[in-house]
Amino acid sequence: MPPVRLAYIDCQKGFAIFLVVLGHILQHYYSDVNIAIRIVYSFHIPLFMFMSGYVCFRKYDWAMIKKRSTQLLIPFFSYIPVRYVLNILLNGSIDSSLFQYFCHVVYQPDMGLWFLWALFFITVLFIASRRIARRINLPEWIVFAAVAGLLNGIVIFGNVRQFGFHWIAWY
């Protein structure tokens, strides 16, 4: 039996998608940071990430990792050579080889499609946290809160930004 779709969840996802598009449009057309951009950017991506995560899981097991890697990491890694070629075509040249560029994007995935990278690792953390919660017999939300606090503490006090760690911790 297919999962039941909830209209209010679909509406919230649609609203989150609208805010993401609006935020990028505002950012593109207004070079100075104004109050509208600050308001939209304060919650549009976290809302979208939350709603996407809320509706995408039916089972929370390690088999989901394979599915999510196909859904998220293949597009992420496929985008790297496309962006490399676009940089050459639009800028005339690039300062590195494709391999160096690839390594740079993996080391600092802020350069494009970072949200796919972050969602994949959030999935891994979510499944691992759920497993830990079951093993030590604690409510899942306590383990999730502890993991989120630990990740954000590492970012704040260690200033760790490599491999998109700050995006993973934030979202």
N, C-alpha and C. Protein backbone atom coordinates (compact mmCIF):
# COMPACT_ATOMS: atom_id res chain seq x y z
N MET A 1 0.84 -1.18 0.00
CA MET A 1 0.00 0.00 0.00
C MET A 1 0.89 1.25 0.00
N PRO A 2 0.66 2.17 -0.94
CA PRO A 2 1.50 3.38 -1.00
C PRO A 2 1.25 4.26 0.23
N PRO A 3 2.28 5.05 0.60
CA PRO A 3 2.11 5.92 1.77
C PRO A 3 1.04 6.98 1.51
N VAL A 4 0.37 7.37 2.57
CA VAL A 4 -0.67 8.39 2.48
C VAL A 4 -0.01 9.75 2.41
N ARG A 5 -0.44 10.54 1.46
CA ARG A 5 0.08 11.91 1.34
C ARG A 5 -0.78 12.82 2.19
N LEU A 6 -0.11 13.70 2.91
CA LEU A 6 -0.81 14.66 3.75
C LEU A 6 -0.75 16.03 3.08
N ALA A 7 -1.92 16.59 2.79
CA ALA A 7 -1.99 17.85 2.05
C ALA A 7 -1.25 18.97 2.76
N TYR A 8 -1.37 19.06 4.08
CA TYR A 8 -0.71 20.15 4.79
C TYR A 8 0.81 20.03 4.74
N ILE A 9 1.33 18.80 4.68
CA ILE A 9 2.77 18.61 4.52
C ILE A 9 3.20 19.01 3.12
N ASP A 10 2.44 18.63 2.11
CA ASP A 10 2.74 19.04 0.73
C ASP A 10 2.72 20.56 0.60
N CYS A 11 1.77 21.21 1.25
CA CYS A 11 1.69 22.68 1.22
C CYS A 11 2.92 23.30 1.88
N GLN A 12 3.34 22.74 3.01
CA GLN A 12 4.52 23.27 3.69
C GLN A 12 5.78 23.07 2.84
N LYS A 13 5.89 21.92 2.19
CA LYS A 13 7.03 21.70 1.29
C LYS A 13 7.00 22.69 0.13
N GLY A 14 5.83 22.90 -0.45
CA GLY A 14 5.69 23.86 -1.53
C GLY A 14 6.07 25.26 -1.09
N PHE A 15 5.66 25.64 0.11
CA PHE A 15 6.00 26.96 0.66
C PHE A 15 7.51 27.07 0.87
N ALA A 16 8.13 26.00 1.37
CA ALA A 16 9.58 26.00 1.57
C ALA A 16 10.31 26.13 0.24
N ILE A 17 9.85 25.43 -0.77
CA ILE A 17 10.46 25.54 -2.11
C ILE A 17 10.31 26.96 -2.64
N PHE A 18 9.12 27.53 -2.47
CA PHE A 18 8.89 28.92 -2.90
C PHE A 18 9.87 29.87 -2.20
N LEU A 19 10.09 29.68 -0.89
CA LEU A 19 11.01 30.55 -0.16
C LEU A 19 12.45 30.39 -0.64
N VAL A 20 12.85 29.18 -0.97
CA VAL A 20 14.20 28.95 -1.49
C VAL A 20 14.38 29.71 -2.80
N VAL A 21 13.40 29.59 -3.70
CA VAL A 21 13.48 30.29 -4.98
C VAL A 21 13.46 31.80 -4.75
N LEU A 22 12.56 32.28 -3.90
CA LEU A 22 12.48 33.71 -3.59
C LEU A 22 13.79 34.22 -3.01
N GLY A 23 14.36 33.46 -2.09
CA GLY A 23 15.63 33.87 -1.48
C GLY A 23 16.73 34.01 -2.50
N HIS A 24 16.81 33.08 -3.45
CA HIS A 24 17.85 33.17 -4.47
C HIS A 24 17.57 34.30 -5.46
N ILE A 25 16.32 34.55 -5.76
CA ILE A 25 15.99 35.68 -6.64
C ILE A 25 16.36 36.99 -5.96
N LEU A 26 15.98 37.15 -4.70
CA LEU A 26 16.30 38.39 -3.98
C LEU A 26 17.80 38.58 -3.90
N GLN A 27 18.53 37.51 -3.63
CA GLN A 27 19.98 37.59 -3.52
C GLN A 27 20.59 38.01 -4.86
N HIS A 28 20.03 37.49 -5.95
CA HIS A 28 20.58 37.79 -7.27
C HIS A 28 20.33 39.24 -7.68
N TYR A 29 19.15 39.77 -7.40
CA TYR A 29 18.80 41.10 -7.88
C TYR A 29 19.13 42.23 -6.92
N TYR A 30 19.36 41.91 -5.67
CA TYR A 30 19.70 42.95 -4.70
C TYR A 30 21.07 42.64 -4.12
N SER A 31 22.07 43.41 -4.57
CA SER A 31 23.43 43.13 -4.13
C SER A 31 23.64 43.51 -2.67
N ASP A 32 22.94 44.53 -2.21
CA ASP A 32 23.06 44.88 -0.79
C ASP A 32 22.10 44.00 0.02
N VAL A 33 22.51 43.69 1.22
CA VAL A 33 21.69 42.84 2.07
C VAL A 33 20.60 43.70 2.70
N ASN A 34 19.37 43.41 2.34
CA ASN A 34 18.26 44.16 2.93
C ASN A 34 17.46 43.28 3.86
N ILE A 35 16.47 43.85 4.50
CA ILE A 35 15.71 43.14 5.52
C ILE A 35 14.94 41.95 4.92
N ALA A 36 14.44 42.07 3.70
CA ALA A 36 13.70 40.96 3.08
C ALA A 36 14.60 39.74 2.90
N ILE A 37 15.83 39.98 2.44
CA ILE A 37 16.77 38.87 2.26
C ILE A 37 17.10 38.24 3.61
N ARG A 38 17.33 39.09 4.62
CA ARG A 38 17.66 38.55 5.95
C ARG A 38 16.52 37.71 6.52
N ILE A 39 15.30 38.15 6.33
CA ILE A 39 14.16 37.40 6.86
C ILE A 39 14.03 36.07 6.15
N VAL A 40 14.05 36.10 4.82
CA VAL A 40 13.89 34.86 4.06
C VAL A 40 15.06 33.92 4.35
N TYR A 41 16.28 34.43 4.37
CA TYR A 41 17.45 33.59 4.58
C TYR A 41 17.56 33.07 6.01
N SER A 42 16.84 33.65 6.94
CA SER A 42 16.92 33.19 8.33
C SER A 42 16.31 31.82 8.52
N PHE A 43 15.43 31.40 7.59
CA PHE A 43 14.78 30.11 7.81
C PHE A 43 14.45 29.31 6.56
N HIS A 44 14.66 29.84 5.36
CA HIS A 44 14.16 29.14 4.18
C HIS A 44 14.83 27.79 3.93
N ILE A 45 16.13 27.70 4.01
CA ILE A 45 16.80 26.42 3.78
C ILE A 45 16.56 25.46 4.96
N PRO A 46 16.68 25.91 6.22
CA PRO A 46 16.36 24.96 7.31
C PRO A 46 14.94 24.41 7.21
N LEU A 47 13.98 25.24 6.84
CA LEU A 47 12.60 24.76 6.69
C LEU A 47 12.52 23.72 5.58
N PHE A 48 13.15 24.00 4.45
CA PHE A 48 13.13 23.05 3.33
C PHE A 48 13.81 21.74 3.72
N MET A 49 14.97 21.82 4.37
CA MET A 49 15.69 20.61 4.77
C MET A 49 14.86 19.81 5.77
N PHE A 50 14.23 20.48 6.71
CA PHE A 50 13.41 19.79 7.71
C PHE A 50 12.24 19.08 7.04
N MET A 51 11.53 19.79 6.16
CA MET A 51 10.37 19.20 5.50
C MET A 51 10.79 18.04 4.59
N SER A 52 11.91 18.19 3.91
CA SER A 52 12.40 17.10 3.05
C SER A 52 12.73 15.88 3.87
N GLY A 53 13.40 16.08 4.99
CA GLY A 53 13.73 14.95 5.85
C GLY A 53 12.51 14.33 6.49
N TYR A 54 11.54 15.15 6.82
CA TYR A 54 10.33 14.67 7.49
C TYR A 54 9.54 13.71 6.61
N VAL A 55 9.49 13.98 5.32
CA VAL A 55 8.66 13.17 4.44
C VAL A 55 9.41 12.08 3.68
N CYS A 56 10.73 12.08 3.72
CA CYS A 56 11.46 11.15 2.85
C CYS A 56 11.70 9.79 3.50
N PHE A 57 11.58 9.66 4.78
CA PHE A 57 11.92 8.41 5.43
C PHE A 57 10.70 7.60 5.81
N ARG A 58 10.75 6.34 5.46
CA ARG A 58 9.75 5.38 5.92
C ARG A 58 10.43 4.36 6.83
N LYS A 59 11.68 4.02 6.45
CA LYS A 59 12.46 3.07 7.24
C LYS A 59 13.76 3.76 7.62
N TYR A 60 14.21 3.47 8.81
CA TYR A 60 15.44 4.07 9.29
C TYR A 60 16.49 2.98 9.49
N ASP A 61 17.06 2.50 8.41
CA ASP A 61 18.07 1.46 8.55
C ASP A 61 19.22 1.74 7.59
N TRP A 62 20.24 0.91 7.67
CA TRP A 62 21.44 1.13 6.88
C TRP A 62 21.20 0.94 5.38
N ALA A 63 20.15 0.22 5.00
CA ALA A 63 19.84 0.08 3.58
C ALA A 63 19.49 1.43 2.97
N MET A 64 19.01 2.35 3.81
CA MET A 64 18.66 3.69 3.34
C MET A 64 19.91 4.45 2.88
N ILE A 65 21.07 4.12 3.45
CA ILE A 65 22.31 4.81 3.07
C ILE A 65 22.59 4.62 1.58
N LYS A 66 22.44 3.40 1.10
CA LYS A 66 22.67 3.14 -0.32
C LYS A 66 21.71 3.95 -1.18
N LYS A 67 20.44 3.95 -0.82
CA LYS A 67 19.45 4.70 -1.58
C LYS A 67 19.76 6.19 -1.57
N ARG A 68 20.08 6.73 -0.40
CA ARG A 68 20.37 8.16 -0.29
C ARG A 68 21.67 8.53 -1.01
N SER A 69 22.65 7.62 -1.03
CA SER A 69 23.88 7.93 -1.76
C SER A 69 23.60 8.04 -3.25
N THR A 70 22.72 7.19 -3.75
CA THR A 70 22.33 7.27 -5.15
C THR A 70 21.57 8.57 -5.43
N GLN A 71 20.67 8.92 -4.54
CA GLN A 71 19.85 10.12 -4.74
C GLN A 71 20.65 11.41 -4.56
N LEU A 72 21.64 11.41 -3.67
CA LEU A 72 22.30 12.66 -3.30
C LEU A 72 23.75 12.77 -3.76
N LEU A 73 24.52 11.72 -3.59
CA LEU A 73 25.94 11.83 -3.91
C LEU A 73 26.23 11.73 -5.41
N ILE A 74 25.47 10.93 -6.14
CA ILE A 74 25.69 10.86 -7.59
C ILE A 74 25.45 12.22 -8.24
N PRO A 75 24.35 12.93 -7.95
CA PRO A 75 24.21 14.28 -8.53
C PRO A 75 25.30 15.24 -8.05
N PHE A 76 25.70 15.14 -6.78
CA PHE A 76 26.75 16.02 -6.26
C PHE A 76 28.04 15.83 -7.04
N PHE A 77 28.48 14.57 -7.16
CA PHE A 77 29.74 14.31 -7.85
C PHE A 77 29.63 14.52 -9.36
N SER A 78 28.46 14.31 -9.92
CA SER A 78 28.26 14.55 -11.36
C SER A 78 28.33 16.03 -11.71
N TYR A 79 27.96 16.86 -10.77
CA TYR A 79 27.96 18.31 -10.99
C TYR A 79 29.37 18.88 -11.06
N ILE A 80 30.32 18.24 -10.40
CA ILE A 80 31.68 18.78 -10.33
C ILE A 80 32.30 18.95 -11.72
N PRO A 81 32.33 17.93 -12.58
CA PRO A 81 32.92 18.15 -13.91
C PRO A 81 32.10 19.13 -14.76
N VAL A 82 30.79 19.15 -14.57
CA VAL A 82 29.95 20.11 -15.31
C VAL A 82 30.34 21.53 -14.93
N ARG A 83 30.47 21.78 -13.64
CA ARG A 83 30.86 23.11 -13.19
C ARG A 83 32.28 23.46 -13.64
N TYR A 84 33.16 22.49 -13.66
CA TYR A 84 34.53 22.70 -14.12
C TYR A 84 34.53 23.17 -15.57
N VAL A 85 33.79 22.48 -16.41
CA VAL A 85 33.70 22.85 -17.83
C VAL A 85 33.04 24.22 -17.99
N LEU A 86 31.98 24.48 -17.22
CA LEU A 86 31.32 25.79 -17.29
C LEU A 86 32.27 26.91 -16.88
N ASN A 87 33.10 26.67 -15.87
CA ASN A 87 34.09 27.67 -15.47
C ASN A 87 35.06 27.96 -16.61
N ILE A 88 35.47 26.93 -17.31
CA ILE A 88 36.39 27.12 -18.45
C ILE A 88 35.69 27.90 -19.56
N LEU A 89 34.45 27.51 -19.88
CA LEU A 89 33.72 28.17 -20.96
C LEU A 89 33.38 29.62 -20.63
N LEU A 90 32.98 29.88 -19.40
CA LEU A 90 32.55 31.23 -19.03
C LEU A 90 33.69 32.14 -18.62
N ASN A 91 34.77 31.58 -18.05
CA ASN A 91 35.89 32.40 -17.59
C ASN A 91 37.11 32.31 -18.50
N GLY A 92 37.06 31.42 -19.47
CA GLY A 92 38.18 31.30 -20.40
C GLY A 92 39.24 30.32 -19.96
N SER A 93 39.47 30.19 -18.69
CA SER A 93 40.45 29.23 -18.19
C SER A 93 40.18 28.96 -16.72
N ILE A 94 40.91 28.00 -16.21
CA ILE A 94 40.80 27.67 -14.79
C ILE A 94 42.20 27.34 -14.29
N ASP A 95 42.46 27.60 -13.03
CA ASP A 95 43.80 27.48 -12.48
C ASP A 95 44.21 26.08 -12.03
N SER A 96 43.33 25.10 -12.20
CA SER A 96 43.65 23.77 -11.69
C SER A 96 43.17 22.70 -12.66
N SER A 97 43.68 21.49 -12.43
CA SER A 97 43.21 20.35 -13.21
C SER A 97 41.84 19.93 -12.69
N LEU A 98 41.17 19.07 -13.44
CA LEU A 98 39.87 18.57 -13.01
C LEU A 98 40.01 17.82 -11.68
N PHE A 99 41.08 17.04 -11.52
CA PHE A 99 41.28 16.30 -10.27
C PHE A 99 41.47 17.26 -9.10
N GLN A 100 42.27 18.30 -9.29
CA GLN A 100 42.47 19.29 -8.21
C GLN A 100 41.16 20.00 -7.89
N TYR A 101 40.41 20.34 -8.91
CA TYR A 101 39.12 20.99 -8.72
C TYR A 101 38.16 20.07 -7.96
N PHE A 102 38.14 18.81 -8.35
CA PHE A 102 37.31 17.80 -7.69
C PHE A 102 37.66 17.73 -6.20
N CYS A 103 38.95 17.62 -5.89
CA CYS A 103 39.39 17.56 -4.49
C CYS A 103 39.01 18.82 -3.73
N HIS A 104 39.13 19.97 -4.38
CA HIS A 104 38.78 21.23 -3.74
C HIS A 104 37.29 21.28 -3.40
N VAL A 105 36.44 20.85 -4.33
CA VAL A 105 34.99 20.87 -4.08
C VAL A 105 34.62 19.90 -2.96
N VAL A 106 35.26 18.74 -2.91
CA VAL A 106 34.97 17.79 -1.83
C VAL A 106 35.45 18.37 -0.50
N TYR A 107 36.61 19.01 -0.50
CA TYR A 107 37.16 19.61 0.73
C TYR A 107 36.33 20.80 1.18
N GLN A 108 35.83 21.57 0.22
CA GLN A 108 34.98 22.73 0.52
C GLN A 108 33.75 22.66 -0.38
N PRO A 109 32.75 21.88 -0.01
CA PRO A 109 31.59 21.69 -0.89
C PRO A 109 30.66 22.90 -0.98
N ASP A 110 31.08 24.04 -0.45
CA ASP A 110 30.27 25.26 -0.55
C ASP A 110 30.13 25.73 -1.98
N MET A 111 30.93 25.20 -2.88
CA MET A 111 30.99 25.72 -4.24
C MET A 111 29.80 25.33 -5.10
N GLY A 112 28.93 24.51 -4.63
CA GLY A 112 27.76 24.16 -5.41
C GLY A 112 27.15 22.85 -4.95
N LEU A 113 25.86 22.82 -4.91
CA LEU A 113 25.11 21.63 -4.50
C LEU A 113 25.54 21.11 -3.14
N TRP A 114 26.02 21.98 -2.27
CA TRP A 114 26.46 21.60 -0.93
C TRP A 114 25.34 20.92 -0.14
N PHE A 115 24.08 21.30 -0.42
CA PHE A 115 22.95 20.76 0.32
C PHE A 115 22.78 19.27 0.09
N LEU A 116 23.18 18.75 -1.10
CA LEU A 116 23.11 17.32 -1.35
C LEU A 116 24.11 16.58 -0.46
N TRP A 117 25.31 17.13 -0.40
CA TRP A 117 26.38 16.58 0.45
C TRP A 117 25.91 16.57 1.90
N ALA A 118 25.39 17.70 2.37
CA ALA A 118 24.95 17.82 3.76
C ALA A 118 23.80 16.86 4.07
N LEU A 119 22.82 16.78 3.18
CA LEU A 119 21.70 15.87 3.41
C LEU A 119 22.14 14.42 3.52
N PHE A 120 23.11 14.03 2.71
CA PHE A 120 23.60 12.65 2.79
C PHE A 120 24.19 12.38 4.17
N PHE A 121 25.07 13.25 4.63
CA PHE A 121 25.71 13.00 5.92
C PHE A 121 24.75 13.18 7.09
N ILE A 122 23.75 14.03 6.94
CA ILE A 122 22.71 14.14 7.96
C ILE A 122 21.94 12.83 8.04
N THR A 123 21.68 12.21 6.90
CA THR A 123 21.01 10.91 6.89
C THR A 123 21.83 9.88 7.66
N VAL A 124 23.13 9.84 7.41
CA VAL A 124 24.01 8.90 8.11
C VAL A 124 23.97 9.17 9.61
N LEU A 125 24.08 10.44 10.00
CA LEU A 125 24.05 10.79 11.42
C LEU A 125 22.70 10.45 12.05
N PHE A 126 21.63 10.68 11.32
CA PHE A 126 20.30 10.39 11.83
C PHE A 126 20.12 8.90 12.09
N ILE A 127 20.53 8.08 11.14
CA ILE A 127 20.40 6.63 11.30
C ILE A 127 21.30 6.14 12.43
N ALA A 128 22.54 6.65 12.49
CA ALA A 128 23.45 6.25 13.56
C ALA A 128 22.90 6.68 14.92
N SER A 129 22.37 7.88 15.01
CA SER A 129 21.81 8.37 16.27
C SER A 129 20.62 7.53 16.71
N ARG A 130 19.81 7.17 15.76
CA ARG A 130 18.64 6.34 16.08
C ARG A 130 19.09 4.98 16.60
N ARG A 131 20.10 4.41 15.97
CA ARG A 131 20.63 3.12 16.43
C ARG A 131 21.20 3.23 17.84
N ILE A 132 21.95 4.31 18.08
CA ILE A 132 22.53 4.52 19.41
C ILE A 132 21.43 4.67 20.45
N ALA A 133 20.39 5.43 20.13
CA ALA A 133 19.29 5.64 21.07
C ALA A 133 18.63 4.32 21.44
N ARG A 134 18.44 3.47 20.46
CA ARG A 134 17.83 2.16 20.73
C ARG A 134 18.75 1.28 21.58
N ARG A 135 20.05 1.34 21.28
CA ARG A 135 21.00 0.49 21.99
C ARG A 135 21.14 0.89 23.46
N ILE A 136 21.17 2.21 23.74
CA ILE A 136 21.35 2.65 25.13
C ILE A 136 20.01 2.96 25.80
N ASN A 137 18.92 2.68 25.08
CA ASN A 137 17.57 2.80 25.64
C ASN A 137 17.26 4.23 26.13
N LEU A 138 17.51 5.19 25.25
CA LEU A 138 17.16 6.58 25.50
C LEU A 138 16.18 7.05 24.43
N PRO A 139 15.37 8.04 24.75
CA PRO A 139 14.51 8.59 23.70
C PRO A 139 15.37 9.15 22.55
N GLU A 140 14.90 8.95 21.33
CA GLU A 140 15.67 9.38 20.16
C GLU A 140 15.96 10.87 20.17
N TRP A 141 15.00 11.67 20.59
CA TRP A 141 15.21 13.12 20.54
C TRP A 141 16.36 13.55 21.44
N ILE A 142 16.63 12.83 22.52
CA ILE A 142 17.75 13.18 23.40
C ILE A 142 19.07 12.92 22.68
N VAL A 143 19.16 11.79 22.01
CA VAL A 143 20.40 11.47 21.28
C VAL A 143 20.57 12.44 20.11
N PHE A 144 19.48 12.75 19.39
CA PHE A 144 19.58 13.70 18.28
C PHE A 144 20.05 15.06 18.79
N ALA A 145 19.49 15.51 19.90
CA ALA A 145 19.88 16.81 20.46
C ALA A 145 21.35 16.79 20.89
N ALA A 146 21.79 15.70 21.48
CA ALA A 146 23.19 15.59 21.90
C ALA A 146 24.13 15.61 20.70
N VAL A 147 23.79 14.88 19.65
CA VAL A 147 24.63 14.86 18.44
C VAL A 147 24.66 16.25 17.80
N ALA A 148 23.50 16.89 17.70
CA ALA A 148 23.45 18.25 17.12
C ALA A 148 24.26 19.22 17.96
N GLY A 149 24.15 19.13 19.27
CA GLY A 149 24.93 20.01 20.14
C GLY A 149 26.42 19.77 20.00
N LEU A 150 26.81 18.51 19.94
CA LEU A 150 28.23 18.17 19.75
C LEU A 150 28.76 18.71 18.43
N LEU A 151 28.00 18.50 17.35
CA LEU A 151 28.43 18.99 16.03
C LEU A 151 28.58 20.50 16.03
N ASN A 152 27.59 21.20 16.57
CA ASN A 152 27.65 22.67 16.58
C ASN A 152 28.75 23.17 17.51
N GLY A 153 29.01 22.47 18.60
CA GLY A 153 30.12 22.85 19.47
C GLY A 153 31.45 22.73 18.74
N ILE A 154 31.62 21.66 17.97
CA ILE A 154 32.85 21.49 17.19
C ILE A 154 33.01 22.63 16.19
N VAL A 155 31.92 23.02 15.54
CA VAL A 155 31.99 24.11 14.56
C VAL A 155 32.31 25.43 15.26
N ILE A 156 31.63 25.70 16.37
CA ILE A 156 31.81 26.99 17.06
C ILE A 156 33.20 27.09 17.69
N PHE A 157 33.60 26.07 18.44
CA PHE A 157 34.85 26.16 19.18
C PHE A 157 36.06 25.70 18.37
N GLY A 158 35.85 24.85 17.40
CA GLY A 158 36.96 24.37 16.59
C GLY A 158 37.06 25.04 15.23
N ASN A 159 36.03 25.82 14.88
CA ASN A 159 35.97 26.51 13.59
C ASN A 159 36.22 25.53 12.43
N VAL A 160 35.59 24.37 12.51
CA VAL A 160 35.76 23.33 11.50
C VAL A 160 34.80 23.61 10.34
N ARG A 161 35.35 23.81 9.16
CA ARG A 161 34.53 24.09 7.98
C ARG A 161 34.87 23.15 6.82
N GLN A 162 35.85 22.29 6.99
CA GLN A 162 36.25 21.38 5.94
C GLN A 162 35.17 20.33 5.71
N PHE A 163 35.09 19.88 4.48
CA PHE A 163 34.16 18.83 4.06
C PHE A 163 32.69 19.18 4.35
N GLY A 164 32.39 20.47 4.39
CA GLY A 164 31.02 20.92 4.62
C GLY A 164 30.52 20.64 6.02
N PHE A 165 31.41 20.44 6.96
CA PHE A 165 31.02 20.09 8.33
C PHE A 165 30.11 21.15 8.93
N HIS A 166 30.37 22.42 8.65
CA HIS A 166 29.53 23.48 9.21
C HIS A 166 28.09 23.41 8.69
N TRP A 167 27.90 23.00 7.42
CA TRP A 167 26.54 22.85 6.89
C TRP A 167 25.84 21.66 7.53
N ILE A 168 26.58 20.58 7.71
CA ILE A 168 26.00 19.38 8.32
C ILE A 168 25.58 19.70 9.76
N ALA A 169 26.44 20.40 10.49
CA ALA A 169 26.12 20.76 11.88
C ALA A 169 24.94 21.73 11.94
N TRP A 170 24.91 22.71 11.05
CA TRP A 170 23.86 23.71 11.06
C TRP A 170 22.48 23.10 10.77
N TYR A 171 22.41 22.26 9.76
CA TYR A 171 21.12 21.74 9.35
C TYR A 171 20.78 20.46 10.06
